[in-house]
Every structure is written in structure tokens, then in C-alpha cells.
PDB file of N, CA and C in Angstrom:
ATOM      1  N   UNK A   1     107.530 109.109 113.686  1.00  0.00           N
ATOM      2  CA  UNK A   1     108.332 109.535 112.562  1.00  0.00           C
ATOM      3  C   UNK A   1     108.423 111.056 112.537  1.00  0.00           C
ATOM      4  N   UNK A   2     109.492 111.518 111.931  1.00  0.00           N
ATOM      5  CA  UNK A   2     109.651 112.953 111.751  1.00  0.00           C
ATOM      6  C   UNK A   2     108.680 113.404 110.664  1.00  0.00           C
ATOM      7  N   UNK A   3     108.315 114.664 110.712  1.00  0.00           N
ATOM      8  CA  UNK A   3     107.461 115.217 109.667  1.00  0.00           C
ATOM      9  C   UNK A   3     108.356 115.785 108.579  1.00  0.00           C
ATOM     10  N   UNK A   4     108.855 114.909 107.708  1.00  0.00           N
ATOM     11  CA  UNK A   4     109.686 115.406 106.619  1.00  0.00           C
ATOM     12  C   UNK A   4     109.424 114.615 105.346  1.00  0.00           C
ATOM     13  N   UNK A   5     109.983 115.105 104.284  1.00  0.00           N
ATOM     14  CA  UNK A   5     109.715 114.535 102.970  1.00  0.00           C
ATOM     15  C   UNK A   5     110.252 113.119 102.821  1.00  0.00           C
ATOM     16  N   UNK A   6     111.342 112.787 103.474  1.00  0.00           N
ATOM     17  CA  UNK A   6     111.850 111.418 103.404  1.00  0.00           C
ATOM     18  C   UNK A   6     110.818 110.438 103.963  1.00  0.00           C
ATOM     19  N   UNK A   7     110.205 110.786 105.081  1.00  0.00           N
ATOM     20  CA  UNK A   7     109.164 109.934 105.656  1.00  0.00           C
ATOM     21  C   UNK A   7     108.013 109.749 104.667  1.00  0.00           C
ATOM     22  N   UNK A   8     107.636 110.825 103.989  1.00  0.00           N
ATOM     23  CA  UNK A   8     106.557 110.761 102.998  1.00  0.00           C
ATOM     24  C   UNK A   8     106.950 109.835 101.843  1.00  0.00           C
ATOM     25  N   UNK A   9     108.171 109.941 101.379  1.00  0.00           N
ATOM     26  CA  UNK A   9     108.645 109.091 100.291  1.00  0.00           C
ATOM     27  C   UNK A   9     108.617 107.619 100.696  1.00  0.00           C
ATOM     28  N   UNK A  10     109.051 107.322 101.898  1.00  0.00           N
ATOM     29  CA  UNK A  10     109.060 105.939 102.381  1.00  0.00           C
ATOM     30  C   UNK A  10     107.635 105.408 102.521  1.00  0.00           C
ATOM     31  N   UNK A  11     106.756 106.213 103.090  1.00  0.00           N
ATOM     32  CA  UNK A  11     105.359 105.787 103.257  1.00  0.00           C
ATOM     33  C   UNK A  11     104.696 105.567 101.895  1.00  0.00           C
ATOM     34  N   UNK A  12     104.954 106.470 100.964  1.00  0.00           N
ATOM     35  CA  UNK A  12     104.374 106.306  99.634  1.00  0.00           C
ATOM     36  C   UNK A  12     104.992 105.118  98.903  1.00  0.00           C
ATOM     37  N   UNK A  13     106.271 104.869  99.108  1.00  0.00           N
ATOM     38  CA  UNK A  13     106.898 103.675  98.527  1.00  0.00           C
ATOM     39  C   UNK A  13     106.137 102.429  98.986  1.00  0.00           C
ATOM     40  N   UNK A  14     105.868 102.351 100.283  1.00  0.00           N
ATOM     41  CA  UNK A  14     105.151 101.188 100.825  1.00  0.00           C
ATOM     42  C   UNK A  14     103.759 101.073 100.205  1.00  0.00           C
ATOM     43  N   UNK A  15     103.038 102.176 100.142  1.00  0.00           N
ATOM     44  CA  UNK A  15     101.686 102.149  99.596  1.00  0.00           C
ATOM     45  C   UNK A  15     101.641 101.872  98.103  1.00  0.00           C
ATOM     46  N   UNK A  16     102.538 102.514  97.359  1.00  0.00           N
ATOM     47  CA  UNK A  16     102.548 102.342  95.908  1.00  0.00           C
ATOM     48  C   UNK A  16     102.938 100.913  95.539  1.00  0.00           C
ATOM     49  N   UNK A  17     103.958 100.364  96.192  1.00  0.00           N
ATOM     50  CA  UNK A  17     104.361  98.996  95.853  1.00  0.00           C
ATOM     51  C   UNK A  17     103.275  98.001  96.243  1.00  0.00           C
ATOM     52  N   UNK A  18     102.564  98.262  97.333  1.00  0.00           N
ATOM     53  CA  UNK A  18     101.466  97.367  97.722  1.00  0.00           C
ATOM     54  C   UNK A  18     100.322  97.446  96.706  1.00  0.00           C
ATOM     55  N   UNK A  19     100.043  98.637  96.209  1.00  0.00           N
ATOM     56  CA  UNK A  19      98.919  98.816  95.287  1.00  0.00           C
ATOM     57  C   UNK A  19      99.260  98.404  93.856  1.00  0.00           C
ATOM     58  N   UNK A  20     100.455  98.760  93.387  1.00  0.00           N
ATOM     59  CA  UNK A  20     100.799  98.556  91.974  1.00  0.00           C
ATOM     60  C   UNK A  20     101.683  97.345  91.737  1.00  0.00           C
ATOM     61  N   UNK A  21     102.265  96.796  92.797  1.00  0.00           N
ATOM     62  CA  UNK A  21     103.169  95.666  92.632  1.00  0.00           C
ATOM     63  C   UNK A  21     104.598  96.071  92.369  1.00  0.00           C
ATOM     64  N   UNK A  22     104.826  97.366  92.151  1.00  0.00           N
ATOM     65  CA  UNK A  22     106.169  97.920  91.969  1.00  0.00           C
ATOM     66  C   UNK A  22     106.086  99.426  92.232  1.00  0.00           C
ATOM     67  N   UNK A  23     107.232 100.049  92.437  1.00  0.00           N
ATOM     68  CA  UNK A  23     107.246 101.478  92.735  1.00  0.00           C
ATOM     69  C   UNK A  23     107.049 102.291  91.468  1.00  0.00           C
ATOM     70  N   UNK A  24     106.193 103.304  91.543  1.00  0.00           N
ATOM     71  CA  UNK A  24     105.897 104.188  90.416  1.00  0.00           C
ATOM     72  C   UNK A  24     106.226 105.629  90.806  1.00  0.00           C
ATOM     73  N   UNK A  25     107.342 106.139  90.282  1.00  0.00           N
ATOM     74  CA  UNK A  25     107.736 107.524  90.566  1.00  0.00           C
ATOM     75  C   UNK A  25     106.678 108.496  90.065  1.00  0.00           C
ATOM     76  N   UNK A  26     106.045 108.199  88.927  1.00  0.00           N
ATOM     77  CA  UNK A  26     105.049 109.120  88.387  1.00  0.00           C
ATOM     78  C   UNK A  26     103.871 109.301  89.356  1.00  0.00           C
ATOM     79  N   UNK A  27     103.499 108.265  90.081  1.00  0.00           N
ATOM     80  CA  UNK A  27     102.433 108.401  91.074  1.00  0.00           C
ATOM     81  C   UNK A  27     102.880 109.326  92.199  1.00  0.00           C
ATOM     82  N   UNK A  28     104.066 109.064  92.736  1.00  0.00           N
ATOM     83  CA  UNK A  28     104.573 109.904  93.825  1.00  0.00           C
ATOM     84  C   UNK A  28     104.644 111.368  93.388  1.00  0.00           C
ATOM     85  N   UNK A  29     105.166 111.609  92.186  1.00  0.00           N
ATOM     86  CA  UNK A  29     105.308 112.989  91.716  1.00  0.00           C
ATOM     87  C   UNK A  29     103.943 113.653  91.553  1.00  0.00           C
ATOM     88  N   UNK A  30     102.950 112.916  91.115  1.00  0.00           N
ATOM     89  CA  UNK A  30     101.588 113.482  91.016  1.00  0.00           C
ATOM     90  C   UNK A  30     101.061 113.817  92.415  1.00  0.00           C
ATOM     91  N   UNK A  31     101.232 112.927  93.358  1.00  0.00           N
ATOM     92  CA  UNK A  31     100.776 113.190  94.723  1.00  0.00           C
ATOM     93  C   UNK A  31     101.412 114.477  95.266  1.00  0.00           C
ATOM     94  N   UNK A  32     102.692 114.669  94.939  1.00  0.00           N
ATOM     95  CA  UNK A  32     103.440 115.811  95.459  1.00  0.00           C
ATOM     96  C   UNK A  32     103.144 117.112  94.726  1.00  0.00           C
ATOM     97  N   UNK A  33     102.548 117.027  93.527  1.00  0.00           N
ATOM     98  CA  UNK A  33     102.306 118.219  92.718  1.00  0.00           C
ATOM     99  C   UNK A  33     103.437 118.486  91.739  1.00  0.00           C
ATOM    100  N   UNK A  34     104.234 117.460  91.477  1.00  0.00           N
ATOM    101  CA  UNK A  34     105.418 117.605  90.626  1.00  0.00           C
ATOM    102  C   UNK A  34     105.302 116.840  89.309  1.00  0.00           C
ATOM    103  N   UNK A  35     104.091 116.522  88.884  1.00  0.00           N
ATOM    104  CA  UNK A  35     103.925 115.728  87.665  1.00  0.00           C
ATOM    105  C   UNK A  35     104.389 116.470  86.409  1.00  0.00           C
ATOM    106  N   UNK A  36     104.508 117.787  86.478  1.00  0.00           N
ATOM    107  CA  UNK A  36     104.979 118.584  85.339  1.00  0.00           C
ATOM    108  C   UNK A  36     106.291 119.288  85.681  1.00  0.00           C
ATOM    109  N   UNK A  37     107.110 118.650  86.511  1.00  0.00           N
ATOM    110  CA  UNK A  37     108.371 119.249  86.937  1.00  0.00           C
ATOM    111  C   UNK A  37     109.102 119.829  85.725  1.00  0.00           C
ATOM    112  N   UNK A  38     109.614 121.048  85.826  1.00  0.00           N
ATOM    113  CA  UNK A  38     109.895 121.848  87.007  1.00  0.00           C
ATOM    114  C   UNK A  38     108.738 122.722  87.483  1.00  0.00           C
ATOM    115  N   UNK A  39     107.578 122.592  86.864  1.00  0.00           N
ATOM    116  CA  UNK A  39     106.418 123.353  87.309  1.00  0.00           C
ATOM    117  C   UNK A  39     105.804 122.641  88.514  1.00  0.00           C
ATOM    118  N   UNK A  40     105.566 123.382  89.576  1.00  0.00           N
ATOM    119  CA  UNK A  40     104.909 122.836  90.764  1.00  0.00           C
ATOM    120  C   UNK A  40     103.423 123.165  90.700  1.00  0.00           C
ATOM    121  N   UNK A  41     102.577 122.166  90.928  1.00  0.00           N
ATOM    122  CA  UNK A  41     101.130 122.375  90.971  1.00  0.00           C
ATOM    123  C   UNK A  41     100.720 122.716  92.397  1.00  0.00           C
ATOM    124  N   UNK A  42     100.184 123.915  92.576  1.00  0.00           N
ATOM    125  CA  UNK A  42      99.684 124.310  93.897  1.00  0.00           C
ATOM    126  C   UNK A  42      98.673 123.287  94.385  1.00  0.00           C
ATOM    127  N   UNK A  43      98.723 122.979  95.655  1.00  0.00           N
ATOM    128  CA  UNK A  43      97.813 122.011  96.250  1.00  0.00           C
ATOM    129  C   UNK A  43      98.409 120.620  96.348  1.00  0.00           C
ATOM    130  N   UNK A  44      99.597 120.425  95.761  1.00  0.00           N
ATOM    131  CA  UNK A  44     100.272 119.142  95.910  1.00  0.00           C
ATOM    132  C   UNK A  44     100.741 118.959  97.350  1.00  0.00           C
ATOM    133  N   UNK A  45     100.954 117.727  97.740  1.00  0.00           N
ATOM    134  CA  UNK A  45     101.344 117.447  99.134  1.00  0.00           C
ATOM    135  C   UNK A  45     102.702 118.015  99.499  1.00  0.00           C
ATOM    136  N   UNK A  46     103.533 118.337  98.509  1.00  0.00           N
ATOM    137  CA  UNK A  46     104.825 118.925  98.827  1.00  0.00           C
ATOM    138  C   UNK A  46     104.655 120.220  99.606  1.00  0.00           C
ATOM    139  N   UNK A  47     103.534 120.881  99.427  1.00  0.00           N
ATOM    140  CA  UNK A  47     103.235 122.123 100.150  1.00  0.00           C
ATOM    141  C   UNK A  47     103.322 121.909 101.657  1.00  0.00           C
ATOM    142  N   UNK A  48     103.022 120.694 102.121  1.00  0.00           N
ATOM    143  CA  UNK A  48     103.074 120.394 103.557  1.00  0.00           C
ATOM    144  C   UNK A  48     104.478 120.505 104.123  1.00  0.00           C
ATOM    145  N   UNK A  49     105.491 120.498 103.265  1.00  0.00           N
ATOM    146  CA  UNK A  49     106.879 120.528 103.718  1.00  0.00           C
ATOM    147  C   UNK A  49     107.522 121.885 103.519  1.00  0.00           C
ATOM    148  N   UNK A  50     106.711 122.872 103.298  1.00  0.00           N
ATOM    149  CA  UNK A  50     107.191 124.245 103.134  1.00  0.00           C
ATOM    150  C   UNK A  50     107.713 124.791 104.455  1.00  0.00           C
ATOM    151  N   UNK A  51     107.098 124.358 105.570  1.00  0.00           N
ATOM    152  CA  UNK A  51     107.575 124.724 106.895  1.00  0.00           C
ATOM    153  C   UNK A  51     107.043 126.048 107.411  1.00  0.00           C
ATOM    154  N   UNK A  52     107.376 126.323 108.669  1.00  0.00           N
ATOM    155  CA  UNK A  52     107.032 127.578 109.345  1.00  0.00           C
ATOM    156  C   UNK A  52     108.257 128.061 110.092  1.00  0.00           C
ATOM    157  N   UNK A  53     108.829 129.168 109.755  1.00  0.00           N
ATOM    158  CA  UNK A  53     108.456 130.016 108.624  1.00  0.00           C
ATOM    159  C   UNK A  53     108.700 129.272 107.316  1.00  0.00           C
ATOM    160  N   UNK A  54     107.980 129.636 106.268  1.00  0.00           N
ATOM    161  CA  UNK A  54     108.069 128.879 105.017  1.00  0.00           C
ATOM    162  C   UNK A  54     109.428 129.010 104.345  1.00  0.00           C
ATOM    163  N   UNK A  55     109.802 127.955 103.628  1.00  0.00           N
ATOM    164  CA  UNK A  55     111.023 127.987 102.830  1.00  0.00           C
ATOM    165  C   UNK A  55     110.940 129.107 101.802  1.00  0.00           C
ATOM    166  N   UNK A  56     112.063 129.670 101.464  1.00  0.00           N
ATOM    167  CA  UNK A  56     112.112 130.650 100.379  1.00  0.00           C
ATOM    168  C   UNK A  56     111.748 129.947  99.071  1.00  0.00           C
ATOM    169  N   UNK A  57     111.455 130.723  98.048  1.00  0.00           N
ATOM    170  CA  UNK A  57     111.133 130.138  96.738  1.00  0.00           C
ATOM    171  C   UNK A  57     112.296 129.298  96.219  1.00  0.00           C
ATOM    172  N   UNK A  58     113.516 129.791  96.377  1.00  0.00           N
ATOM    173  CA  UNK A  58     114.682 129.045  95.910  1.00  0.00           C
ATOM    174  C   UNK A  58     114.857 127.733  96.651  1.00  0.00           C
ATOM    175  N   UNK A  59     114.700 127.769  97.970  1.00  0.00           N
ATOM    176  CA  UNK A  59     114.828 126.545  98.770  1.00  0.00           C
ATOM    177  C   UNK A  59     113.713 125.565  98.434  1.00  0.00           C
ATOM    178  N   UNK A  60     112.503 126.075  98.175  1.00  0.00           N
ATOM    179  CA  UNK A  60     111.390 125.196  97.817  1.00  0.00           C
ATOM    180  C   UNK A  60     111.640 124.549  96.455  1.00  0.00           C
ATOM    181  N   UNK A  61     112.231 125.289  95.517  1.00  0.00           N
ATOM    182  CA  UNK A  61     112.590 124.695  94.221  1.00  0.00           C
ATOM    183  C   UNK A  61     113.649 123.598  94.396  1.00  0.00           C
ATOM    184  N   UNK A  62     114.582 123.826  95.307  1.00  0.00           N
ATOM    185  CA  UNK A  62     115.595 122.806  95.597  1.00  0.00           C
ATOM    186  C   UNK A  62     114.931 121.557  96.164  1.00  0.00           C
ATOM    187  N   UNK A  63     113.985 121.729  97.079  1.00  0.00           N
ATOM    188  CA  UNK A  63     113.253 120.603  97.657  1.00  0.00           C
ATOM    189  C   UNK A  63     112.484 119.847  96.573  1.00  0.00           C
ATOM    190  N   UNK A  64     111.909 120.564  95.634  1.00  0.00           N
ATOM    191  CA  UNK A  64     111.195 119.928  94.524  1.00  0.00           C
ATOM    192  C   UNK A  64     112.139 119.038  93.720  1.00  0.00           C
ATOM    193  N   UNK A  65     113.322 119.550  93.424  1.00  0.00           N
ATOM    194  CA  UNK A  65     114.300 118.770  92.667  1.00  0.00           C
ATOM    195  C   UNK A  65     114.760 117.537  93.420  1.00  0.00           C
ATOM    196  N   UNK A  66     114.964 117.688  94.726  1.00  0.00           N
ATOM    197  CA  UNK A  66     115.358 116.530  95.541  1.00  0.00           C
ATOM    198  C   UNK A  66     114.270 115.462  95.524  1.00  0.00           C
ATOM    199  N   UNK A  67     113.023 115.892  95.660  1.00  0.00           N
ATOM    200  CA  UNK A  67     111.903 114.936  95.648  1.00  0.00           C
ATOM    201  C   UNK A  67     111.835 114.201  94.317  1.00  0.00           C
ATOM    202  N   UNK A  68     111.966 114.920  93.227  1.00  0.00           N
ATOM    203  CA  UNK A  68     111.906 114.308  91.900  1.00  0.00           C
ATOM    204  C   UNK A  68     113.058 113.327  91.709  1.00  0.00           C
ATOM    205  N   UNK A  69     114.274 113.765  91.997  1.00  0.00           N
ATOM    206  CA  UNK A  69     115.440 112.907  91.777  1.00  0.00           C
ATOM    207  C   UNK A  69     115.403 111.666  92.665  1.00  0.00           C
ATOM    208  N   UNK A  70     115.045 111.835  93.938  1.00  0.00           N
ATOM    209  CA  UNK A  70     114.991 110.688  94.848  1.00  0.00           C
ATOM    210  C   UNK A  70     113.943 109.685  94.388  1.00  0.00           C
ATOM    211  N   UNK A  71     112.787 110.170  93.981  1.00  0.00           N
ATOM    212  CA  UNK A  71     111.717 109.281  93.545  1.00  0.00           C
ATOM    213  C   UNK A  71     112.106 108.521  92.273  1.00  0.00           C
ATOM    214  N   UNK A  72     112.691 109.222  91.313  1.00  0.00           N
ATOM    215  CA  UNK A  72     113.096 108.559  90.071  1.00  0.00           C
ATOM    216  C   UNK A  72     114.242 107.577  90.313  1.00  0.00           C
ATOM    217  N   UNK A  73     115.176 107.916  91.195  1.00  0.00           N
ATOM    218  CA  UNK A  73     116.253 106.982  91.534  1.00  0.00           C
ATOM    219  C   UNK A  73     115.697 105.738  92.201  1.00  0.00           C
ATOM    220  N   UNK A  74     114.727 105.918  93.065  1.00  0.00           N
ATOM    221  CA  UNK A  74     114.110 104.779  93.742  1.00  0.00           C
ATOM    222  C   UNK A  74     113.430 103.867  92.721  1.00  0.00           C
ATOM    223  N   UNK A  75     112.755 104.447  91.756  1.00  0.00           N
ATOM    224  CA  UNK A  75     112.130 103.633  90.716  1.00  0.00           C
ATOM    225  C   UNK A  75     113.190 102.901  89.892  1.00  0.00           C
ATOM    226  N   UNK A  76     114.243 103.592  89.492  1.00  0.00           N
ATOM    227  CA  UNK A  76     115.307 102.954  88.704  1.00  0.00           C
ATOM    228  C   UNK A  76     115.967 101.816  89.474  1.00  0.00           C
ATOM    229  N   UNK A  77     116.184 102.025  90.761  1.00  0.00           N
ATOM    230  CA  UNK A  77     116.850 100.990  91.553  1.00  0.00           C
ATOM    231  C   UNK A  77     115.964  99.771  91.755  1.00  0.00           C
ATOM    232  N   UNK A  78     114.662  99.925  91.544  1.00  0.00           N
ATOM    233  CA  UNK A  78     113.725  98.810  91.702  1.00  0.00           C
ATOM    234  C   UNK A  78     113.308  98.191  90.382  1.00  0.00           C
ATOM    235  N   UNK A  79     113.743  98.746  89.270  1.00  0.00           N
ATOM    236  CA  UNK A  79     113.380  98.218  87.957  1.00  0.00           C
ATOM    237  C   UNK A  79     113.941  96.809  87.809  1.00  0.00           C
ATOM    238  N   UNK A  80     113.081  95.905  87.417  1.00  0.00           N
ATOM    239  CA  UNK A  80     113.496  94.520  87.230  1.00  0.00           C
ATOM    240  C   UNK A  80     113.489  93.697  88.501  1.00  0.00           C
ATOM    241  N   UNK A  81     113.158  94.312  89.620  1.00  0.00           N
ATOM    242  CA  UNK A  81     113.082  93.595  90.894  1.00  0.00           C
ATOM    243  C   UNK A  81     111.648  93.644  91.398  1.00  0.00           C
ATOM    244  N   UNK A  82     111.151  92.528  91.831  1.00  0.00           N
ATOM    245  CA  UNK A  82     109.838  92.521  92.465  1.00  0.00           C
ATOM    246  C   UNK A  82     109.992  93.042  93.884  1.00  0.00           C
ATOM    247  N   UNK A  83     109.042  93.866  94.338  1.00  0.00           N
ATOM    248  CA  UNK A  83     109.137  94.309  95.728  1.00  0.00           C
ATOM    249  C   UNK A  83     108.953  93.113  96.653  1.00  0.00           C
ATOM    250  N   UNK A  84     109.562  93.169  97.819  1.00  0.00           N
ATOM    251  CA  UNK A  84     109.419  92.054  98.755  1.00  0.00           C
ATOM    252  C   UNK A  84     107.949  91.808  99.092  1.00  0.00           C
ATOM    253  N   UNK A  85     107.567  90.564  99.164  1.00  0.00           N
ATOM    254  CA  UNK A  85     106.175  90.200  99.447  1.00  0.00           C
ATOM    255  C   UNK A  85     105.946  89.879 100.927  1.00  0.00           C
ATOM    256  N   UNK A  86     106.901  89.191 101.530  1.00  0.00           N
ATOM    257  CA  UNK A  86     106.724  88.816 102.935  1.00  0.00           C
ATOM    258  C   UNK A  86     106.851  90.060 103.801  1.00  0.00           C
ATOM    259  N   UNK A  87     106.107  90.069 104.889  1.00  0.00           N
ATOM    260  CA  UNK A  87     106.071  91.218 105.783  1.00  0.00           C
ATOM    261  C   UNK A  87     107.460  91.556 106.337  1.00  0.00           C
ATOM    262  N   UNK A  88     108.237  90.547 106.716  1.00  0.00           N
ATOM    263  CA  UNK A  88     109.567  90.825 107.262  1.00  0.00           C
ATOM    264  C   UNK A  88     110.492  91.406 106.194  1.00  0.00           C
ATOM    265  N   UNK A  89     110.342  90.978 104.939  1.00  0.00           N
ATOM    266  CA  UNK A  89     111.141  91.535 103.850  1.00  0.00           C
ATOM    267  C   UNK A  89     110.741  92.980 103.561  1.00  0.00           C
ATOM    268  N   UNK A  90     109.440  93.243 103.573  1.00  0.00           N
ATOM    269  CA  UNK A  90     108.963  94.607 103.342  1.00  0.00           C
ATOM    270  C   UNK A  90     109.450  95.530 104.452  1.00  0.00           C
ATOM    271  N   UNK A  91     109.394  95.052 105.682  1.00  0.00           N
ATOM    272  CA  UNK A  91     109.866  95.858 106.806  1.00  0.00           C
ATOM    273  C   UNK A  91     111.363  96.138 106.667  1.00  0.00           C
ATOM    274  N   UNK A  92     112.113  95.140 106.228  1.00  0.00           N
ATOM    275  CA  UNK A  92     113.551  95.329 106.028  1.00  0.00           C
ATOM    276  C   UNK A  92     113.850  96.367 104.962  1.00  0.00           C
ATOM    277  N   UNK A  93     113.069  96.361 103.880  1.00  0.00           N
ATOM    278  CA  UNK A  93     113.252  97.356 102.827  1.00  0.00           C
ATOM    279  C   UNK A  93     112.960  98.758 103.345  1.00  0.00           C
ATOM    280  N   UNK A  94     111.880  98.905 104.081  1.00  0.00           N
ATOM    281  CA  UNK A  94     111.529 100.216 104.630  1.00  0.00           C
ATOM    282  C   UNK A  94     112.568 100.680 105.650  1.00  0.00           C
ATOM    283  N   UNK A  95     113.055  99.759 106.449  1.00  0.00           N
ATOM    284  CA  UNK A  95     114.107 100.102 107.416  1.00  0.00           C
ATOM    285  C   UNK A  95     115.370 100.554 106.690  1.00  0.00           C
ATOM    286  N   UNK A  96     115.732  99.854 105.624  1.00  0.00           N
ATOM    287  CA  UNK A  96     116.922 100.241 104.850  1.00  0.00           C
ATOM    288  C   UNK A  96     116.735 101.634 104.252  1.00  0.00           C
ATOM    289  N   UNK A  97     115.570 101.921 103.693  1.00  0.00           N
ATOM    290  CA  UNK A  97     115.320 103.245 103.127  1.00  0.00           C
ATOM    291  C   UNK A  97     115.421 104.334 104.192  1.00  0.00           C
ATOM    292  N   UNK A  98     114.985 104.019 105.395  1.00  0.00           N
ATOM    293  CA  UNK A  98     115.011 105.028 106.467  1.00  0.00           C
ATOM    294  C   UNK A  98     116.423 105.342 106.954  1.00  0.00           C
ATOM    295  N   UNK A  99     117.399 104.551 106.539  1.00  0.00           N
ATOM    296  CA  UNK A  99     118.776 104.819 106.958  1.00  0.00           C
ATOM    297  C   UNK A  99     119.449 105.873 106.077  1.00  0.00           C
ATOM    298  N   UNK A 100     118.776 106.275 105.005  1.00  0.00           N
ATOM    299  CA  UNK A 100     119.318 107.280 104.091  1.00  0.00           C
ATOM    300  C   UNK A 100     118.742 108.653 104.381  1.00  0.00           C
ATOM    301  N   UNK A 101     119.427 109.669 103.904  1.00  0.00           N
ATOM    302  CA  UNK A 101     118.884 111.020 103.885  1.00  0.00           C
ATOM    303  C   UNK A 101     118.261 111.228 102.506  1.00  0.00           C
ATOM    304  N   UNK A 102     117.350 112.175 102.401  1.00  0.00           N
ATOM    305  CA  UNK A 102     116.736 112.478 101.118  1.00  0.00           C
ATOM    306  C   UNK A 102     117.798 112.829 100.089  1.00  0.00           C
ATOM    307  N   UNK A 103     118.818 113.563 100.510  1.00  0.00           N
ATOM    308  CA  UNK A 103     119.896 113.965  99.601  1.00  0.00           C
ATOM    309  C   UNK A 103     120.650 112.741  99.075  1.00  0.00           C
ATOM    310  N   UNK A 104     120.791 111.714  99.917  1.00  0.00           N
ATOM    311  CA  UNK A 104     121.451 110.479  99.486  1.00  0.00           C
ATOM    312  C   UNK A 104     120.640 109.791  98.391  1.00  0.00           C
ATOM    313  N   UNK A 105     119.346 109.699  98.584  1.00  0.00           N
ATOM    314  CA  UNK A 105     118.485 109.046  97.604  1.00  0.00           C
ATOM    315  C   UNK A 105     118.371 109.843  96.309  1.00  0.00           C
ATOM    316  N   UNK A 106     118.561 111.162  96.395  1.00  0.00           N
ATOM    317  CA  UNK A 106     118.483 112.024  95.213  1.00  0.00           C
ATOM    318  C   UNK A 106     119.790 112.069  94.437  1.00  0.00           C
ATOM    319  N   UNK A 107     120.858 111.586  95.013  1.00  0.00           N
ATOM    320  CA  UNK A 107     122.182 111.640  94.390  1.00  0.00           C
ATOM    321  C   UNK A 107     122.232 110.796  93.120  1.00  0.00           C
ATOM    322  N   UNK A 108     122.994 111.240  92.105  1.00  0.00           N
ATOM    323  CA  UNK A 108     123.129 110.431  90.887  1.00  0.00           C
ATOM    324  C   UNK A 108     123.684 109.031  91.173  1.00  0.00           C
ATOM    325  N   UNK A 109     124.464 108.870  92.218  1.00  0.00           N
ATOM    326  CA  UNK A 109     125.013 107.562  92.561  1.00  0.00           C
ATOM    327  C   UNK A 109     123.982 106.618  93.177  1.00  0.00           C
ATOM    328  N   UNK A 110     122.850 107.144  93.601  1.00  0.00           N
ATOM    329  CA  UNK A 110     121.861 106.329  94.307  1.00  0.00           C
ATOM    330  C   UNK A 110     121.176 105.302  93.413  1.00  0.00           C
ATOM    331  N   UNK A 111     121.078 105.586  92.130  1.00  0.00           N
ATOM    332  CA  UNK A 111     120.336 104.668  91.258  1.00  0.00           C
ATOM    333  C   UNK A 111     121.224 103.608  90.635  1.00  0.00           C
ATOM    334  N   UNK A 112     122.494 103.606  90.980  1.00  0.00           N
ATOM    335  CA  UNK A 112     123.429 102.665  90.372  1.00  0.00           C
ATOM    336  C   UNK A 112     123.462 101.340  90.966  1.00  0.00           C
TER     337      UNK A 112
END
């Protein structure tokens, strides 16, 4: 997998749904250091995606917003639906998520 935030979101989706029975955006945002968005908590995992050379402050704020919006859209799109239980269904869901870009998942149209 690529080392990017979309991969992290997909991996956390798999872990969170396995642990909680449904996707929890608040968990993902806490892991990332975004539980008090727009304030970023230093030491959150989002820091791993700052890059080398590091993103500018403005670009990092944009990345924070994308992470928040994508995570909340993912939760909204799963509200009222049980996550797939069978392994082949779970794999299909993860494969479908991997076909999107982070910007696609963060779009206002993504949660519809």
C-alpha cells in the first residue's frame, strides 16, 4: 500500500468496524489528533502524513479538513447499515473504498 492518509482511513475503517461493530468517525479523528477540529493535537497520527519536505501550515490544515470530512462522510454513509460480516463482503467493502481518492470521500456528495 501507499503511505498516505487514504490507506490509513481504510485500515482504520476495517479495525474500527471490527472492534465496534460500526464505523466511528470520532475514534478515527482522535487517533489522528483531530478530536477538537479545527485544533490539531500534536502527536496525532496525522503528523505521519506531513511528508518530507513537510507540508506548509496551510496545506496541513487542508489535509486536516479532508481527513475530518472524509471520516464523517464515511460514518454517515454507514449509518443504519451493519458492516459486512463475511470475509469476502468485508474485502469487497475495503476494495470499493480503495477505488476512491481522499478528496472524493471528503466531498459533500460522498455521504449522499
